[in-house]
């Protein structure tokens, strides 16, 4: 009888404390999985600017970043550029819940540098982060981001995590505005 009470008491203690082999496991910081879906860490990019300087996407961490795929020969892209410029001008210095400041990492799918740089000037794309490998549809960046149509974009938070995709005109501005502190 005493043995059964002892057994019940032991069972109660194990139930309350659990059966963990390591009662105080070390906490580990979760790692972000790289991917193209919302909630995943965006793949890093490192490509040349018009003046030959390598600009990495990861160098923009801390800011809200729009990774924008476009080309000078793409009329829908060129028609969307005024909206992107407007949002950039309005929010570049903003404080956001997802980062401090807003910038754009423009990835061009052009094949001719002159057309690319002329379009940057003509459309007033005043931010500094313009890159291209001048391979057009064979662009390494387009392969990494699985781009099959442009314009295409990804909005990243300050940690480089994708928080939205394919935002246009009012939806781009609305999303950026919703993230203001």
C-alpha atoms as a PDB file:
ATOM      1  CA  UNK A   1       0.000   0.000   0.000  1.00  0.00           C
ATOM      2  CA  UNK A   2       2.834   2.394   0.893  1.00  0.00           C
ATOM      3  CA  UNK A   3       4.548   1.391  -2.288  1.00  0.00           C
ATOM      4  CA  UNK A   4       1.508   2.425  -4.383  1.00  0.00           C
ATOM      5  CA  UNK A   5       1.321   5.840  -2.622  1.00  0.00           C
ATOM      6  CA  UNK A   6       5.016   6.360  -3.277  1.00  0.00           C
ATOM      7  CA  UNK A   7       4.530   5.397  -6.899  1.00  0.00           C
ATOM      8  CA  UNK A   8       1.565   7.798  -7.221  1.00  0.00           C
ATOM      9  CA  UNK A   9       3.562  10.614  -5.616  1.00  0.00           C
ATOM     10  CA  UNK A  10       6.478   9.991  -7.962  1.00  0.00           C
ATOM     11  CA  UNK A  11       4.094   9.938 -10.932  1.00  0.00           C
ATOM     12  CA  UNK A  12       2.564  13.248  -9.787  1.00  0.00           C
ATOM     13  CA  UNK A  13       6.005  14.864  -9.495  1.00  0.00           C
ATOM     14  CA  UNK A  14       6.987  13.683 -12.978  1.00  0.00           C
ATOM     15  CA  UNK A  15       3.709  14.939 -14.396  1.00  0.00           C
ATOM     16  CA  UNK A  16       4.190  18.385 -12.865  1.00  0.00           C
ATOM     17  CA  UNK A  17       7.864  18.755 -13.774  1.00  0.00           C
ATOM     18  CA  UNK A  18       7.848  16.929 -17.094  1.00  0.00           C
ATOM     19  CA  UNK A  19      10.250  14.319 -18.360  1.00  0.00           C
ATOM     20  CA  UNK A  20      12.871  16.568 -19.852  1.00  0.00           C
ATOM     21  CA  UNK A  21      16.344  15.071 -20.096  1.00  0.00           C
ATOM     22  CA  UNK A  22      17.787  18.562 -19.931  1.00  0.00           C
ATOM     23  CA  UNK A  23      15.628  20.581 -17.532  1.00  0.00           C
ATOM     24  CA  UNK A  24      17.267  23.899 -18.437  1.00  0.00           C
ATOM     25  CA  UNK A  25      17.998  23.846 -22.184  1.00  0.00           C
ATOM     26  CA  UNK A  26      19.933  26.756 -23.635  1.00  0.00           C
ATOM     27  CA  UNK A  27      17.768  29.132 -25.594  1.00  0.00           C
ATOM     28  CA  UNK A  28      18.871  29.619 -29.180  1.00  0.00           C
ATOM     29  CA  UNK A  29      18.055  32.501 -31.403  1.00  0.00           C
ATOM     30  CA  UNK A  30      15.762  31.382 -34.215  1.00  0.00           C
ATOM     31  CA  UNK A  31      17.323  31.577 -37.646  1.00  0.00           C
ATOM     32  CA  UNK A  32      15.523  33.090 -40.588  1.00  0.00           C
ATOM     33  CA  UNK A  33      14.995  30.903 -43.590  1.00  0.00           C
ATOM     34  CA  UNK A  34      15.942  32.463 -46.902  1.00  0.00           C
ATOM     35  CA  UNK A  35      13.151  32.442 -49.465  1.00  0.00           C
ATOM     36  CA  UNK A  36      10.836  34.495 -51.628  1.00  0.00           C
ATOM     37  CA  UNK A  37       7.677  34.154 -49.561  1.00  0.00           C
ATOM     38  CA  UNK A  38       6.387  36.746 -47.123  1.00  0.00           C
ATOM     39  CA  UNK A  39       8.044  36.162 -43.765  1.00  0.00           C
ATOM     40  CA  UNK A  40      11.273  34.773 -45.240  1.00  0.00           C
ATOM     41  CA  UNK A  41      14.661  36.450 -45.331  1.00  0.00           C
ATOM     42  CA  UNK A  42      15.184  37.877 -48.812  1.00  0.00           C
ATOM     43  CA  UNK A  43      18.142  36.467 -50.754  1.00  0.00           C
ATOM     44  CA  UNK A  44      21.052  38.889 -50.809  1.00  0.00           C
ATOM     45  CA  UNK A  45      22.052  40.526 -54.078  1.00  0.00           C
ATOM     46  CA  UNK A  46      25.361  42.119 -55.054  1.00  0.00           C
ATOM     47  CA  UNK A  47      25.501  43.834 -58.441  1.00  0.00           C
ATOM     48  CA  UNK A  48      27.129  46.799 -60.150  1.00  0.00           C
ATOM     49  CA  UNK A  49      25.780  50.321 -60.174  1.00  0.00           C
ATOM     50  CA  UNK A  50      26.025  52.378 -63.384  1.00  0.00           C
ATOM     51  CA  UNK A  51      29.456  53.599 -62.239  1.00  0.00           C
ATOM     52  CA  UNK A  52      30.729  50.070 -61.526  1.00  0.00           C
ATOM     53  CA  UNK A  53      30.377  50.113 -57.728  1.00  0.00           C
ATOM     54  CA  UNK A  54      29.065  46.857 -56.213  1.00  0.00           C
ATOM     55  CA  UNK A  55      25.973  47.494 -54.090  1.00  0.00           C
ATOM     56  CA  UNK A  56      24.685  44.698 -51.873  1.00  0.00           C
ATOM     57  CA  UNK A  57      21.085  44.480 -50.827  1.00  0.00           C
ATOM     58  CA  UNK A  58      22.205  43.547 -47.307  1.00  0.00           C
ATOM     59  CA  UNK A  59      24.070  46.878 -47.024  1.00  0.00           C
ATOM     60  CA  UNK A  60      20.661  48.546 -46.740  1.00  0.00           C
ATOM     61  CA  UNK A  61      19.618  46.650 -43.590  1.00  0.00           C
ATOM     62  CA  UNK A  62      17.978  48.808 -40.967  1.00  0.00           C
ATOM     63  CA  UNK A  63      15.806  50.540 -43.556  1.00  0.00           C
ATOM     64  CA  UNK A  64      12.557  49.588 -45.188  1.00  0.00           C
ATOM     65  CA  UNK A  65      13.653  48.547 -48.715  1.00  0.00           C
ATOM     66  CA  UNK A  66      11.699  48.114 -51.926  1.00  0.00           C
ATOM     67  CA  UNK A  67      13.539  45.701 -54.248  1.00  0.00           C
ATOM     68  CA  UNK A  68      12.201  46.860 -57.608  1.00  0.00           C
ATOM     69  CA  UNK A  69      12.725  44.881 -60.827  1.00  0.00           C
ATOM     70  CA  UNK A  70      12.246  46.960 -63.970  1.00  0.00           C
ATOM     71  CA  UNK A  71      13.787  47.855 -67.365  1.00  0.00           C
ATOM     72  CA  UNK A  72      14.004  50.903 -69.613  1.00  0.00           C
ATOM     73  CA  UNK A  73      12.195  49.045 -72.425  1.00  0.00           C
ATOM     74  CA  UNK A  74       9.269  48.000 -70.180  1.00  0.00           C
ATOM     75  CA  UNK A  75       6.374  50.435 -70.666  1.00  0.00           C
ATOM     76  CA  UNK A  76       4.397  49.229 -67.593  1.00  0.00           C
ATOM     77  CA  UNK A  77       7.585  49.745 -65.555  1.00  0.00           C
ATOM     78  CA  UNK A  78       8.099  53.238 -66.914  1.00  0.00           C
ATOM     79  CA  UNK A  79       4.440  54.059 -66.228  1.00  0.00           C
ATOM     80  CA  UNK A  80       4.826  52.844 -62.619  1.00  0.00           C
ATOM     81  CA  UNK A  81       8.059  54.799 -62.009  1.00  0.00           C
ATOM     82  CA  UNK A  82       6.306  58.112 -61.164  1.00  0.00           C
ATOM     83  CA  UNK A  83       4.394  56.315 -58.385  1.00  0.00           C
ATOM     84  CA  UNK A  84       7.605  54.784 -57.032  1.00  0.00           C
ATOM     85  CA  UNK A  85       9.357  58.178 -57.140  1.00  0.00           C
ATOM     86  CA  UNK A  86       6.432  59.817 -55.318  1.00  0.00           C
ATOM     87  CA  UNK A  87       6.486  57.191 -52.540  1.00  0.00           C
ATOM     88  CA  UNK A  88      10.271  57.438 -52.232  1.00  0.00           C
ATOM     89  CA  UNK A  89      10.191  61.256 -51.967  1.00  0.00           C
ATOM     90  CA  UNK A  90       7.388  61.161 -49.420  1.00  0.00           C
ATOM     91  CA  UNK A  91       8.725  58.408 -47.131  1.00  0.00           C
ATOM     92  CA  UNK A  92      12.547  58.238 -47.545  1.00  0.00           C
ATOM     93  CA  UNK A  93      13.140  59.884 -44.167  1.00  0.00           C
ATOM     94  CA  UNK A  94      10.279  58.201 -42.304  1.00  0.00           C
ATOM     95  CA  UNK A  95      10.474  56.198 -39.095  1.00  0.00           C
ATOM     96  CA  UNK A  96       8.736  52.889 -39.491  1.00  0.00           C
ATOM     97  CA  UNK A  97       7.808  50.025 -37.238  1.00  0.00           C
ATOM     98  CA  UNK A  98       9.814  47.853 -39.652  1.00  0.00           C
ATOM     99  CA  UNK A  99      12.900  50.055 -40.119  1.00  0.00           C
ATOM    100  CA  UNK A 100      14.321  53.588 -40.041  1.00  0.00           C
ATOM    101  CA  UNK A 101      14.022  55.319 -43.386  1.00  0.00           C
ATOM    102  CA  UNK A 102      12.913  53.980 -46.753  1.00  0.00           C
ATOM    103  CA  UNK A 103      14.974  53.314 -49.842  1.00  0.00           C
ATOM    104  CA  UNK A 104      14.788  51.463 -53.133  1.00  0.00           C
ATOM    105  CA  UNK A 105      17.129  48.841 -54.570  1.00  0.00           C
ATOM    106  CA  UNK A 106      16.398  49.060 -58.306  1.00  0.00           C
ATOM    107  CA  UNK A 107      17.355  46.021 -60.350  1.00  0.00           C
ATOM    108  CA  UNK A 108      17.322  46.694 -64.081  1.00  0.00           C
ATOM    109  CA  UNK A 109      16.803  43.947 -66.630  1.00  0.00           C
ATOM    110  CA  UNK A 110      18.380  46.057 -69.346  1.00  0.00           C
ATOM    111  CA  UNK A 111      21.102  44.891 -71.725  1.00  0.00           C
ATOM    112  CA  UNK A 112      22.405  48.313 -72.745  1.00  0.00           C
ATOM    113  CA  UNK A 113      23.928  50.590 -70.129  1.00  0.00           C
ATOM    114  CA  UNK A 114      23.116  53.808 -71.985  1.00  0.00           C
ATOM    115  CA  UNK A 115      19.400  52.998 -72.185  1.00  0.00           C
ATOM    116  CA  UNK A 116      19.407  52.028 -68.506  1.00  0.00           C
ATOM    117  CA  UNK A 117      21.160  55.193 -67.291  1.00  0.00           C
ATOM    118  CA  UNK A 118      19.090  57.436 -69.595  1.00  0.00           C
ATOM    119  CA  UNK A 119      15.866  55.944 -68.176  1.00  0.00           C
ATOM    120  CA  UNK A 120      17.105  56.567 -64.615  1.00  0.00           C
ATOM    121  CA  UNK A 121      17.606  60.245 -65.526  1.00  0.00           C
ATOM    122  CA  UNK A 122      14.424  60.617 -67.590  1.00  0.00           C
ATOM    123  CA  UNK A 123      12.209  59.074 -64.902  1.00  0.00           C
ATOM    124  CA  UNK A 124      13.863  60.944 -62.018  1.00  0.00           C
ATOM    125  CA  UNK A 125      14.875  57.813 -60.113  1.00  0.00           C
ATOM    126  CA  UNK A 126      16.914  59.808 -57.601  1.00  0.00           C
ATOM    127  CA  UNK A 127      17.813  57.090 -55.081  1.00  0.00           C
ATOM    128  CA  UNK A 128      21.372  55.745 -55.134  1.00  0.00           C
ATOM    129  CA  UNK A 129      20.819  52.001 -55.313  1.00  0.00           C
ATOM    130  CA  UNK A 130      20.574  51.156 -59.013  1.00  0.00           C
ATOM    131  CA  UNK A 131      22.087  47.845 -60.118  1.00  0.00           C
ATOM    132  CA  UNK A 132      22.221  45.593 -63.155  1.00  0.00           C
ATOM    133  CA  UNK A 133      24.370  42.899 -64.686  1.00  0.00           C
ATOM    134  CA  UNK A 134      23.079  43.977 -68.132  1.00  0.00           C
ATOM    135  CA  UNK A 135      21.963  40.428 -68.995  1.00  0.00           C
ATOM    136  CA  UNK A 136      18.293  41.300 -69.574  1.00  0.00           C
ATOM    137  CA  UNK A 137      16.013  38.339 -68.907  1.00  0.00           C
ATOM    138  CA  UNK A 138      19.120  36.247 -68.179  1.00  0.00           C
ATOM    139  CA  UNK A 139      19.941  38.478 -65.210  1.00  0.00           C
ATOM    140  CA  UNK A 140      21.307  36.586 -62.230  1.00  0.00           C
ATOM    141  CA  UNK A 141      19.148  38.710 -59.922  1.00  0.00           C
ATOM    142  CA  UNK A 142      16.032  37.789 -61.923  1.00  0.00           C
ATOM    143  CA  UNK A 143      16.966  34.109 -61.625  1.00  0.00           C
ATOM    144  CA  UNK A 144      17.522  34.367 -57.869  1.00  0.00           C
ATOM    145  CA  UNK A 145      14.178  36.132 -57.370  1.00  0.00           C
ATOM    146  CA  UNK A 146      12.363  33.990 -59.967  1.00  0.00           C
ATOM    147  CA  UNK A 147      11.210  37.014 -61.944  1.00  0.00           C
ATOM    148  CA  UNK A 148       9.112  36.104 -64.986  1.00  0.00           C
ATOM    149  CA  UNK A 149       7.360  39.450 -65.522  1.00  0.00           C
ATOM    150  CA  UNK A 150       8.144  43.059 -64.720  1.00  0.00           C
ATOM    151  CA  UNK A 151       7.503  45.338 -62.987  1.00  0.00           C
ATOM    152  CA  UNK A 152       7.923  43.186 -59.887  1.00  0.00           C
ATOM    153  CA  UNK A 153       8.905  44.157 -56.373  1.00  0.00           C
ATOM    154  CA  UNK A 154       9.491  42.933 -52.838  1.00  0.00           C
ATOM    155  CA  UNK A 155       9.156  45.084 -49.726  1.00  0.00           C
ATOM    156  CA  UNK A 156      11.678  44.194 -47.003  1.00  0.00           C
ATOM    157  CA  UNK A 157      11.716  45.234 -43.374  1.00  0.00           C
ATOM    158  CA  UNK A 158      14.845  46.478 -41.610  1.00  0.00           C
ATOM    159  CA  UNK A 159      15.969  42.899 -40.982  1.00  0.00           C
ATOM    160  CA  UNK A 160      15.762  42.005 -44.692  1.00  0.00           C
ATOM    161  CA  UNK A 161      12.588  39.943 -44.280  1.00  0.00           C
ATOM    162  CA  UNK A 162       9.967  40.100 -47.043  1.00  0.00           C
ATOM    163  CA  UNK A 163       6.801  41.763 -45.739  1.00  0.00           C
ATOM    164  CA  UNK A 164       4.942  42.352 -49.037  1.00  0.00           C
ATOM    165  CA  UNK A 165       5.232  41.655 -52.768  1.00  0.00           C
ATOM    166  CA  UNK A 166       4.116  43.177 -56.063  1.00  0.00           C
ATOM    167  CA  UNK A 167       2.819  46.460 -54.714  1.00  0.00           C
ATOM    168  CA  UNK A 168       1.701  49.053 -57.266  1.00  0.00           C
ATOM    169  CA  UNK A 169       0.564  52.672 -57.145  1.00  0.00           C
ATOM    170  CA  UNK A 170      -1.876  53.208 -54.261  1.00  0.00           C
ATOM    171  CA  UNK A 171      -1.215  49.784 -52.720  1.00  0.00           C
ATOM    172  CA  UNK A 172       2.503  50.591 -52.462  1.00  0.00           C
ATOM    173  CA  UNK A 173       1.840  53.932 -50.819  1.00  0.00           C
ATOM    174  CA  UNK A 174      -0.843  52.465 -48.543  1.00  0.00           C
ATOM    175  CA  UNK A 175       1.477  49.679 -47.340  1.00  0.00           C
ATOM    176  CA  UNK A 176       4.372  52.067 -46.666  1.00  0.00           C
ATOM    177  CA  UNK A 177       2.044  54.500 -44.880  1.00  0.00           C
ATOM    178  CA  UNK A 178       0.671  51.691 -42.677  1.00  0.00           C
ATOM    179  CA  UNK A 179       4.188  51.007 -41.376  1.00  0.00           C
ATOM    180  CA  UNK A 180       4.859  54.543 -40.088  1.00  0.00           C
ATOM    181  CA  UNK A 181       5.468  54.736 -36.333  1.00  0.00           C
END
